[in-house]
Amino acid sequence: MNPKIFVVAAIAIMVGVLGVIYVTTSTSDTTNDGSAQELQNQVESITIELQDVSILQVSDRAAIIEIQFKLDNPNSRSVIAQLLQYSLYASDNSEEYKITSGQIGSRPEGMVDGSNYYTLLSNNSIVLKDKIVIDYPGNSPELMSLLESSNPSWRAEGNVIFNLSSMTSGQENEIHFESRL
């Protein structure tokens, strides 16, 4: 027997098996796969709410404030909140003062940086906290009296950058928020 016959028969069998695999996978409805993939990558916006602002300490040298944001995930999949940038304002019902700007979390910038992000599980919420130190608030008597008062009105606004539970799936989403206490 000629050994070329065995080689040709093996190649023919392999091509036949690959053809069967191709036909069985390509006969599924491609329009349903496309829309399922599209639905899978759609992300509903998370909601951000200013939950609490506590004045921990006020002195002539510094004021320490703790701020808390509640993030709600309405999606059926987990979401990663990479960065929450905010500005905090206090008001005495006649005038509003910008207290500070800050951020919670970070966005990865390159291969060397580590990421500092927060995972929101499906249909769940998380509370993010930040401590703010204001140096020498005694230079502004209006701000000092506002911080020493029992209940100033608070307002926070900013942006949140988030995406699906994988850094590579879905696109990056950014939403603006404004919340009052």
N, C-alpha and C. Protein backbone atom coordinates (compact mmCIF):
# COMPACT_ATOMS: atom_id res chain seq x y z
N MET A 1 0.83 -1.19 0.00
CA MET A 1 0.00 0.00 0.00
C MET A 1 0.86 1.24 0.00
N ASN A 2 0.32 2.21 -0.66
CA ASN A 2 1.00 3.50 -0.78
C ASN A 2 0.70 4.35 0.47
N PRO A 3 1.73 4.90 1.17
CA PRO A 3 1.51 5.70 2.37
C PRO A 3 0.83 7.03 2.07
N LYS A 4 0.88 7.49 0.84
CA LYS A 4 0.22 8.76 0.49
C LYS A 4 -1.30 8.64 0.63
N ILE A 5 -1.85 7.45 0.45
CA ILE A 5 -3.30 7.24 0.57
C ILE A 5 -3.73 7.50 2.01
N PHE A 6 -2.93 7.03 3.00
CA PHE A 6 -3.27 7.27 4.40
C PHE A 6 -3.22 8.76 4.76
N VAL A 7 -2.23 9.45 4.23
CA VAL A 7 -2.10 10.90 4.50
C VAL A 7 -3.28 11.65 3.89
N VAL A 8 -3.65 11.32 2.66
CA VAL A 8 -4.79 11.99 2.01
C VAL A 8 -6.08 11.66 2.74
N ALA A 9 -6.25 10.43 3.19
CA ALA A 9 -7.46 10.05 3.93
C ALA A 9 -7.53 10.80 5.26
N ALA A 10 -6.40 10.95 5.96
CA ALA A 10 -6.38 11.68 7.24
C ALA A 10 -6.72 13.15 7.03
N ILE A 11 -6.19 13.75 5.98
CA ILE A 11 -6.50 15.15 5.67
C ILE A 11 -7.98 15.31 5.32
N ALA A 12 -8.53 14.38 4.55
CA ALA A 12 -9.95 14.44 4.18
C ALA A 12 -10.84 14.33 5.41
N ILE A 13 -10.51 13.44 6.32
CA ILE A 13 -11.30 13.28 7.55
C ILE A 13 -11.21 14.56 8.39
N MET A 14 -10.02 15.15 8.49
CA MET A 14 -9.85 16.37 9.28
C MET A 14 -10.63 17.53 8.68
N VAL A 15 -10.61 17.66 7.36
CA VAL A 15 -11.38 18.71 6.69
C VAL A 15 -12.87 18.47 6.90
N GLY A 16 -13.31 17.24 6.87
CA GLY A 16 -14.71 16.91 7.10
C GLY A 16 -15.14 17.28 8.51
N VAL A 17 -14.33 16.97 9.51
CA VAL A 17 -14.65 17.31 10.91
C VAL A 17 -14.71 18.82 11.08
N LEU A 18 -13.74 19.54 10.52
CA LEU A 18 -13.76 21.01 10.61
C LEU A 18 -14.97 21.59 9.90
N GLY A 19 -15.37 21.01 8.78
CA GLY A 19 -16.55 21.47 8.06
C GLY A 19 -17.82 21.29 8.87
N VAL A 20 -17.94 20.13 9.55
CA VAL A 20 -19.11 19.87 10.40
C VAL A 20 -19.15 20.88 11.56
N ILE A 21 -18.02 21.15 12.17
CA ILE A 21 -17.97 22.12 13.27
C ILE A 21 -18.37 23.50 12.77
N TYR A 22 -17.86 23.91 11.63
CA TYR A 22 -18.19 25.22 11.07
C TYR A 22 -19.68 25.32 10.76
N VAL A 23 -20.25 24.29 10.16
CA VAL A 23 -21.67 24.33 9.78
C VAL A 23 -22.55 24.37 11.02
N THR A 24 -22.22 23.61 12.04
CA THR A 24 -23.08 23.60 13.24
C THR A 24 -22.99 24.91 14.01
N THR A 25 -21.84 25.55 14.02
CA THR A 25 -21.74 26.82 14.75
C THR A 25 -22.27 27.99 13.95
N SER A 26 -22.22 27.94 12.63
CA SER A 26 -22.68 29.07 11.83
C SER A 26 -24.16 29.01 11.52
N THR A 27 -24.84 27.91 11.80
CA THR A 27 -26.27 27.83 11.49
C THR A 27 -27.13 28.45 12.57
N SER A 28 -26.54 28.81 13.73
CA SER A 28 -27.34 29.48 14.75
C SER A 28 -27.74 30.86 14.24
N ASP A 29 -28.82 31.39 14.76
CA ASP A 29 -29.36 32.66 14.31
C ASP A 29 -28.42 33.79 14.71
N THR A 30 -27.75 34.40 13.72
CA THR A 30 -26.76 35.43 14.01
C THR A 30 -27.41 36.73 14.45
N THR A 31 -28.65 37.00 14.06
CA THR A 31 -29.29 38.25 14.49
C THR A 31 -29.56 38.20 15.99
N ASN A 32 -29.90 37.04 16.53
CA ASN A 32 -30.11 36.94 17.97
C ASN A 32 -28.80 37.08 18.74
N ASP A 33 -27.70 36.51 18.20
CA ASP A 33 -26.41 36.65 18.86
C ASP A 33 -25.98 38.09 18.90
N GLY A 34 -26.19 38.83 17.82
CA GLY A 34 -25.80 40.24 17.77
C GLY A 34 -26.57 41.06 18.77
N SER A 35 -27.89 40.86 18.85
CA SER A 35 -28.68 41.66 19.79
C SER A 35 -28.41 41.23 21.22
N ALA A 36 -28.13 39.95 21.45
CA ALA A 36 -27.80 39.51 22.81
C ALA A 36 -26.49 40.14 23.26
N GLN A 37 -25.51 40.20 22.37
CA GLN A 37 -24.24 40.84 22.70
C GLN A 37 -24.44 42.32 22.95
N GLU A 38 -25.29 42.96 22.16
CA GLU A 38 -25.58 44.39 22.33
C GLU A 38 -26.26 44.65 23.66
N LEU A 39 -27.23 43.80 24.03
CA LEU A 39 -27.91 43.96 25.32
C LEU A 39 -26.96 43.71 26.48
N GLN A 40 -26.04 42.77 26.29
CA GLN A 40 -25.11 42.44 27.35
C GLN A 40 -24.18 43.61 27.64
N ASN A 41 -23.81 44.38 26.63
CA ASN A 41 -22.88 45.48 26.81
C ASN A 41 -23.57 46.78 27.19
N GLN A 42 -24.91 46.87 27.15
CA GLN A 42 -25.58 48.08 27.56
C GLN A 42 -25.53 48.20 29.07
N VAL A 43 -25.25 49.40 29.52
CA VAL A 43 -25.12 49.63 30.95
C VAL A 43 -26.07 50.74 31.35
N GLU A 44 -26.92 50.48 32.35
CA GLU A 44 -27.76 51.53 32.89
C GLU A 44 -26.91 52.40 33.80
N SER A 45 -27.24 53.67 33.87
CA SER A 45 -26.46 54.59 34.70
C SER A 45 -26.66 54.28 36.17
N ILE A 46 -25.58 54.34 36.90
CA ILE A 46 -25.68 54.20 38.35
C ILE A 46 -26.18 55.52 38.92
N THR A 47 -26.74 55.49 40.11
CA THR A 47 -27.22 56.71 40.74
C THR A 47 -26.30 57.05 41.91
N ILE A 48 -26.03 58.34 42.07
CA ILE A 48 -25.14 58.83 43.11
C ILE A 48 -25.92 59.79 43.98
N GLU A 49 -25.78 59.62 45.28
CA GLU A 49 -26.52 60.46 46.23
C GLU A 49 -25.58 60.85 47.37
N LEU A 50 -25.61 62.12 47.74
CA LEU A 50 -24.87 62.59 48.89
C LEU A 50 -25.58 62.06 50.13
N GLN A 51 -24.95 61.14 50.85
CA GLN A 51 -25.63 60.49 51.96
C GLN A 51 -25.41 61.21 53.29
N ASP A 52 -24.19 61.68 53.53
CA ASP A 52 -23.93 62.33 54.81
C ASP A 52 -22.69 63.20 54.71
N VAL A 53 -22.72 64.32 55.44
CA VAL A 53 -21.56 65.18 55.62
C VAL A 53 -21.46 65.44 57.11
N SER A 54 -20.33 65.08 57.70
CA SER A 54 -20.13 65.25 59.15
C SER A 54 -18.94 66.17 59.38
N ILE A 55 -19.14 67.17 60.21
CA ILE A 55 -18.04 68.03 60.63
C ILE A 55 -17.44 67.38 61.87
N LEU A 56 -16.24 66.82 61.72
CA LEU A 56 -15.62 66.09 62.80
C LEU A 56 -14.90 67.01 63.79
N GLN A 57 -14.26 68.07 63.26
CA GLN A 57 -13.50 68.97 64.12
C GLN A 57 -13.35 70.32 63.44
N VAL A 58 -13.47 71.39 64.23
CA VAL A 58 -13.23 72.74 63.73
C VAL A 58 -12.35 73.46 64.74
N SER A 59 -11.21 73.96 64.28
CA SER A 59 -10.31 74.76 65.12
C SER A 59 -9.76 75.89 64.26
N ASP A 60 -8.96 76.74 64.88
CA ASP A 60 -8.35 77.84 64.12
C ASP A 60 -7.34 77.32 63.10
N ARG A 61 -6.81 76.15 63.32
CA ARG A 61 -5.78 75.61 62.43
C ARG A 61 -6.33 74.73 61.31
N ALA A 62 -7.40 74.01 61.60
CA ALA A 62 -7.92 73.08 60.58
C ALA A 62 -9.36 72.71 60.89
N ALA A 63 -10.05 72.34 59.83
CA ALA A 63 -11.39 71.76 59.95
C ALA A 63 -11.36 70.41 59.26
N ILE A 64 -11.94 69.41 59.91
CA ILE A 64 -11.96 68.06 59.34
C ILE A 64 -13.42 67.68 59.09
N ILE A 65 -13.70 67.31 57.86
CA ILE A 65 -15.06 66.97 57.42
C ILE A 65 -15.01 65.60 56.78
N GLU A 66 -16.02 64.78 57.05
CA GLU A 66 -16.16 63.48 56.38
C GLU A 66 -17.38 63.53 55.49
N ILE A 67 -17.21 63.08 54.25
CA ILE A 67 -18.30 63.08 53.27
C ILE A 67 -18.56 61.65 52.84
N GLN A 68 -19.85 61.32 52.64
CA GLN A 68 -20.24 59.97 52.22
C GLN A 68 -21.16 60.05 51.01
N PHE A 69 -20.86 59.23 50.01
CA PHE A 69 -21.70 59.12 48.82
C PHE A 69 -22.24 57.70 48.74
N LYS A 70 -23.50 57.57 48.37
CA LYS A 70 -24.10 56.25 48.15
C LYS A 70 -24.26 56.05 46.65
N LEU A 71 -23.70 54.98 46.12
CA LEU A 71 -23.80 54.62 44.71
C LEU A 71 -24.69 53.40 44.59
N ASP A 72 -25.72 53.48 43.75
CA ASP A 72 -26.64 52.37 43.51
C ASP A 72 -26.44 51.83 42.10
N ASN A 73 -26.39 50.51 41.98
CA ASN A 73 -26.23 49.84 40.69
C ASN A 73 -27.55 49.18 40.29
N PRO A 74 -28.28 49.71 39.28
CA PRO A 74 -29.53 49.09 38.86
C PRO A 74 -29.35 47.96 37.85
N ASN A 75 -28.12 47.66 37.47
CA ASN A 75 -27.84 46.65 36.44
C ASN A 75 -27.91 45.24 37.02
N SER A 76 -28.15 44.28 36.14
CA SER A 76 -28.17 42.88 36.56
C SER A 76 -26.76 42.30 36.57
N ARG A 77 -25.78 43.10 36.18
CA ARG A 77 -24.37 42.69 36.21
C ARG A 77 -23.60 43.63 37.12
N SER A 78 -22.48 43.19 37.59
CA SER A 78 -21.63 44.04 38.43
C SER A 78 -21.06 45.18 37.61
N VAL A 79 -20.77 46.28 38.30
CA VAL A 79 -20.23 47.48 37.67
C VAL A 79 -19.01 47.92 38.47
N ILE A 80 -18.00 48.44 37.79
CA ILE A 80 -16.81 48.97 38.44
C ILE A 80 -16.88 50.49 38.40
N ALA A 81 -16.86 51.11 39.58
CA ALA A 81 -16.74 52.57 39.67
C ALA A 81 -15.26 52.88 39.84
N GLN A 82 -14.69 53.52 38.82
CA GLN A 82 -13.26 53.79 38.85
C GLN A 82 -12.94 55.07 39.61
N LEU A 83 -13.72 56.11 39.34
CA LEU A 83 -13.37 57.43 39.86
C LEU A 83 -14.62 58.24 40.14
N LEU A 84 -14.69 58.84 41.32
CA LEU A 84 -15.76 59.76 41.68
C LEU A 84 -15.09 61.09 41.99
N GLN A 85 -15.29 62.08 41.12
CA GLN A 85 -14.77 63.42 41.34
C GLN A 85 -15.91 64.28 41.84
N TYR A 86 -15.65 65.12 42.85
CA TYR A 86 -16.73 65.91 43.42
C TYR A 86 -16.25 67.28 43.86
N SER A 87 -17.20 68.19 43.99
CA SER A 87 -17.01 69.48 44.62
C SER A 87 -18.07 69.59 45.70
N LEU A 88 -17.67 70.05 46.88
CA LEU A 88 -18.58 70.16 48.02
C LEU A 88 -18.81 71.62 48.34
N TYR A 89 -20.09 71.98 48.50
CA TYR A 89 -20.51 73.34 48.81
C TYR A 89 -21.32 73.34 50.09
N ALA A 90 -21.17 74.40 50.90
CA ALA A 90 -21.97 74.58 52.11
C ALA A 90 -22.70 75.91 51.98
N SER A 91 -23.92 75.96 52.54
CA SER A 91 -24.74 77.16 52.42
C SER A 91 -25.40 77.46 53.75
N ASP A 92 -25.56 78.76 54.02
CA ASP A 92 -26.29 79.18 55.20
C ASP A 92 -27.63 79.81 54.79
N ASN A 93 -28.16 79.37 53.67
CA ASN A 93 -29.43 79.81 53.08
C ASN A 93 -29.36 81.22 52.51
N SER A 94 -28.25 81.92 52.68
CA SER A 94 -28.12 83.22 52.03
C SER A 94 -26.93 83.24 51.08
N GLU A 95 -25.87 82.54 51.43
CA GLU A 95 -24.69 82.51 50.59
C GLU A 95 -24.10 81.10 50.57
N GLU A 96 -23.57 80.69 49.41
CA GLU A 96 -22.99 79.36 49.26
C GLU A 96 -21.48 79.48 49.16
N TYR A 97 -20.77 78.60 49.86
CA TYR A 97 -19.31 78.59 49.85
C TYR A 97 -18.82 77.25 49.31
N LYS A 98 -17.82 77.33 48.43
CA LYS A 98 -17.20 76.08 47.97
C LYS A 98 -16.20 75.65 49.03
N ILE A 99 -16.43 74.47 49.59
CA ILE A 99 -15.58 73.96 50.65
C ILE A 99 -14.32 73.33 50.07
N THR A 100 -14.50 72.40 49.14
CA THR A 100 -13.34 71.70 48.57
C THR A 100 -13.75 70.93 47.32
N SER A 101 -12.75 70.46 46.60
CA SER A 101 -12.93 69.51 45.51
C SER A 101 -12.05 68.31 45.82
N GLY A 102 -12.51 67.14 45.43
CA GLY A 102 -11.73 65.95 45.70
C GLY A 102 -12.14 64.81 44.81
N GLN A 103 -11.54 63.68 45.04
CA GLN A 103 -11.87 62.48 44.28
C GLN A 103 -11.69 61.24 45.14
N ILE A 104 -12.48 60.23 44.81
CA ILE A 104 -12.39 58.93 45.46
C ILE A 104 -12.12 57.92 44.35
N GLY A 105 -11.09 57.11 44.51
CA GLY A 105 -10.72 56.16 43.47
C GLY A 105 -9.70 56.76 42.54
N SER A 106 -9.36 56.01 41.50
CA SER A 106 -8.41 56.50 40.51
C SER A 106 -8.60 55.74 39.21
N ARG A 107 -8.14 56.35 38.14
CA ARG A 107 -8.17 55.70 36.84
C ARG A 107 -6.78 55.20 36.52
N PRO A 108 -6.67 53.97 36.03
CA PRO A 108 -5.34 53.48 35.69
C PRO A 108 -4.76 54.26 34.51
N GLU A 109 -3.50 54.64 34.65
CA GLU A 109 -2.83 55.39 33.58
C GLU A 109 -1.57 54.66 33.19
N GLY A 110 -1.68 53.72 32.28
CA GLY A 110 -0.52 52.99 31.82
C GLY A 110 -0.40 51.63 32.48
N MET A 111 0.66 50.95 32.13
CA MET A 111 0.88 49.59 32.60
C MET A 111 1.42 49.55 34.03
N VAL A 112 2.08 50.60 34.47
CA VAL A 112 2.74 50.58 35.77
C VAL A 112 1.77 50.88 36.90
N ASP A 113 0.82 51.77 36.65
CA ASP A 113 -0.12 52.18 37.70
C ASP A 113 -1.03 51.04 38.12
N GLY A 114 -1.24 50.95 39.40
CA GLY A 114 -2.25 50.04 39.92
C GLY A 114 -3.59 50.77 39.90
N SER A 115 -4.65 50.05 39.94
CA SER A 115 -5.96 50.70 39.90
C SER A 115 -6.58 50.66 41.29
N ASN A 116 -7.34 51.70 41.58
CA ASN A 116 -8.05 51.80 42.85
C ASN A 116 -9.51 52.04 42.49
N TYR A 117 -10.27 50.96 42.37
CA TYR A 117 -11.66 51.07 41.95
C TYR A 117 -12.55 50.31 42.90
N TYR A 118 -13.86 50.52 42.75
CA TYR A 118 -14.86 49.92 43.65
C TYR A 118 -15.85 49.12 42.82
N THR A 119 -16.14 47.90 43.26
CA THR A 119 -17.06 47.02 42.55
C THR A 119 -18.45 47.13 43.18
N LEU A 120 -19.43 47.44 42.35
CA LEU A 120 -20.82 47.46 42.79
C LEU A 120 -21.47 46.20 42.26
N LEU A 121 -21.87 45.31 43.13
CA LEU A 121 -22.51 44.07 42.71
C LEU A 121 -23.87 44.36 42.08
N SER A 122 -24.42 43.41 41.36
CA SER A 122 -25.67 43.60 40.64
C SER A 122 -26.79 43.97 41.60
N ASN A 123 -27.57 44.99 41.21
CA ASN A 123 -28.72 45.48 41.98
C ASN A 123 -28.36 45.72 43.45
N ASN A 124 -27.24 46.37 43.69
CA ASN A 124 -26.76 46.61 45.03
C ASN A 124 -26.23 48.03 45.15
N SER A 125 -25.81 48.42 46.33
CA SER A 125 -25.25 49.76 46.53
C SER A 125 -23.99 49.67 47.39
N ILE A 126 -23.24 50.78 47.38
CA ILE A 126 -22.01 50.88 48.15
C ILE A 126 -21.90 52.32 48.65
N VAL A 127 -21.28 52.50 49.80
CA VAL A 127 -21.06 53.84 50.35
C VAL A 127 -19.57 54.13 50.28
N LEU A 128 -19.23 55.24 49.62
CA LEU A 128 -17.84 55.68 49.52
C LEU A 128 -17.64 56.88 50.43
N LYS A 129 -16.54 56.88 51.20
CA LYS A 129 -16.27 57.94 52.18
C LYS A 129 -14.96 58.63 51.85
N ASP A 130 -14.88 59.90 52.23
CA ASP A 130 -13.65 60.66 52.06
C ASP A 130 -13.54 61.64 53.22
N LYS A 131 -12.32 61.80 53.75
CA LYS A 131 -12.06 62.78 54.80
C LYS A 131 -11.39 63.99 54.16
N ILE A 132 -11.89 65.15 54.54
CA ILE A 132 -11.40 66.39 53.99
C ILE A 132 -10.79 67.20 55.13
N VAL A 133 -9.58 67.70 54.93
CA VAL A 133 -8.93 68.57 55.91
C VAL A 133 -8.78 69.94 55.26
N ILE A 134 -9.38 70.94 55.87
CA ILE A 134 -9.28 72.31 55.39
C ILE A 134 -8.31 73.04 56.31
N ASP A 135 -7.17 73.43 55.78
CA ASP A 135 -6.17 74.12 56.58
C ASP A 135 -6.54 75.59 56.78
N TYR A 136 -6.35 76.08 57.97
CA TYR A 136 -6.53 77.48 58.36
C TYR A 136 -7.89 78.05 57.96
N PRO A 137 -9.00 77.45 58.37
CA PRO A 137 -10.30 78.04 58.05
C PRO A 137 -10.55 79.32 58.83
N GLY A 138 -9.69 79.63 59.84
CA GLY A 138 -9.84 80.85 60.62
C GLY A 138 -9.60 82.11 59.81
N ASN A 139 -9.00 81.98 58.62
CA ASN A 139 -8.78 83.15 57.76
C ASN A 139 -10.08 83.68 57.19
N SER A 140 -11.10 82.85 57.15
CA SER A 140 -12.41 83.25 56.62
C SER A 140 -13.44 83.14 57.75
N PRO A 141 -13.79 84.28 58.39
CA PRO A 141 -14.73 84.21 59.51
C PRO A 141 -16.12 83.71 59.10
N GLU A 142 -16.55 84.00 57.86
CA GLU A 142 -17.85 83.53 57.41
C GLU A 142 -17.87 82.01 57.30
N LEU A 143 -16.79 81.46 56.76
CA LEU A 143 -16.69 80.00 56.63
C LEU A 143 -16.60 79.35 58.00
N MET A 144 -15.84 79.95 58.90
CA MET A 144 -15.73 79.41 60.27
C MET A 144 -17.08 79.36 60.95
N SER A 145 -17.84 80.46 60.87
CA SER A 145 -19.15 80.47 61.53
C SER A 145 -20.10 79.47 60.88
N LEU A 146 -19.98 79.30 59.56
CA LEU A 146 -20.81 78.31 58.87
C LEU A 146 -20.47 76.89 59.33
N LEU A 147 -19.17 76.60 59.44
CA LEU A 147 -18.75 75.26 59.87
C LEU A 147 -19.08 75.01 61.34
N GLU A 148 -19.06 76.04 62.16
CA GLU A 148 -19.38 75.88 63.57
C GLU A 148 -20.87 75.85 63.83
N SER A 149 -21.68 76.28 62.85
CA SER A 149 -23.13 76.23 63.03
C SER A 149 -23.61 74.79 63.06
N SER A 150 -24.78 74.59 63.57
CA SER A 150 -25.26 73.23 63.79
C SER A 150 -25.66 72.50 62.52
N ASN A 151 -26.19 73.22 61.54
CA ASN A 151 -26.69 72.49 60.37
C ASN A 151 -26.64 73.32 59.09
N PRO A 152 -25.47 73.42 58.48
CA PRO A 152 -25.44 74.07 57.17
C PRO A 152 -26.08 73.16 56.12
N SER A 153 -26.53 73.75 55.04
CA SER A 153 -27.04 72.97 53.90
C SER A 153 -25.86 72.57 53.04
N TRP A 154 -25.87 71.33 52.57
CA TRP A 154 -24.76 70.80 51.78
C TRP A 154 -25.21 70.49 50.36
N ARG A 155 -24.30 70.69 49.43
CA ARG A 155 -24.53 70.33 48.04
C ARG A 155 -23.24 69.78 47.47
N ALA A 156 -23.35 68.70 46.73
CA ALA A 156 -22.18 68.11 46.06
C ALA A 156 -22.52 67.89 44.60
N GLU A 157 -21.56 68.14 43.75
CA GLU A 157 -21.73 67.84 42.32
C GLU A 157 -20.41 67.30 41.80
N GLY A 158 -20.51 66.55 40.73
CA GLY A 158 -19.29 65.98 40.16
C GLY A 158 -19.59 64.96 39.09
N ASN A 159 -18.62 64.11 38.84
CA ASN A 159 -18.70 63.09 37.80
C ASN A 159 -18.24 61.75 38.35
N VAL A 160 -18.85 60.67 37.81
CA VAL A 160 -18.44 59.32 38.15
C VAL A 160 -18.11 58.61 36.84
N ILE A 161 -16.97 57.93 36.83
CA ILE A 161 -16.56 57.14 35.67
C ILE A 161 -16.68 55.67 36.06
N PHE A 162 -17.45 54.92 35.26
CA PHE A 162 -17.70 53.50 35.58
C PHE A 162 -17.85 52.70 34.30
N ASN A 163 -17.77 51.37 34.42
CA ASN A 163 -18.02 50.46 33.30
C ASN A 163 -18.45 49.11 33.84
N LEU A 164 -18.67 48.18 32.94
CA LEU A 164 -19.08 46.84 33.36
C LEU A 164 -18.00 46.19 34.21
N SER A 165 -18.30 45.03 34.76
CA SER A 165 -17.43 44.41 35.76
C SER A 165 -16.06 44.00 35.24
N SER A 166 -15.84 44.09 33.96
CA SER A 166 -14.52 43.82 33.41
C SER A 166 -14.00 45.10 32.79
N MET A 167 -12.74 45.39 33.01
CA MET A 167 -12.17 46.62 32.47
C MET A 167 -12.16 46.59 30.94
N THR A 168 -12.30 45.40 30.34
CA THR A 168 -12.23 45.31 28.89
C THR A 168 -13.60 45.14 28.24
N SER A 169 -14.64 44.85 29.01
CA SER A 169 -15.96 44.66 28.39
C SER A 169 -16.78 45.92 28.53
N GLY A 170 -17.54 46.22 27.50
CA GLY A 170 -18.35 47.43 27.53
C GLY A 170 -17.47 48.65 27.35
N GLN A 171 -18.10 49.79 27.33
CA GLN A 171 -17.34 51.01 27.18
C GLN A 171 -17.30 51.74 28.51
N GLU A 172 -16.42 52.73 28.57
CA GLU A 172 -16.33 53.54 29.77
C GLU A 172 -17.49 54.52 29.77
N ASN A 173 -18.15 54.67 30.89
CA ASN A 173 -19.30 55.56 31.01
C ASN A 173 -18.98 56.65 32.02
N GLU A 174 -19.43 57.86 31.73
CA GLU A 174 -19.24 58.98 32.65
C GLU A 174 -20.56 59.69 32.82
N ILE A 175 -20.96 59.91 34.07
CA ILE A 175 -22.20 60.62 34.33
C ILE A 175 -21.93 61.76 35.30
N HIS A 176 -22.70 62.81 35.15
CA HIS A 176 -22.64 63.97 36.04
C HIS A 176 -23.73 63.82 37.08
N PHE A 177 -23.45 64.24 38.30
CA PHE A 177 -24.46 64.16 39.36
C PHE A 177 -24.47 65.46 40.16
N GLU A 178 -25.59 65.71 40.79
CA GLU A 178 -25.73 66.79 41.77
C GLU A 178 -26.69 66.31 42.83
N SER A 179 -26.31 66.49 44.10
CA SER A 179 -27.10 65.98 45.20
C SER A 179 -27.04 66.97 46.36
N ARG A 180 -28.13 67.07 47.10
CA ARG A 180 -28.23 67.99 48.24
C ARG A 180 -28.59 67.25 49.51
N LEU A 181 -28.16 67.83 50.61
CA LEU A 181 -28.50 67.32 51.93
C LEU A 181 -29.17 68.42 52.73
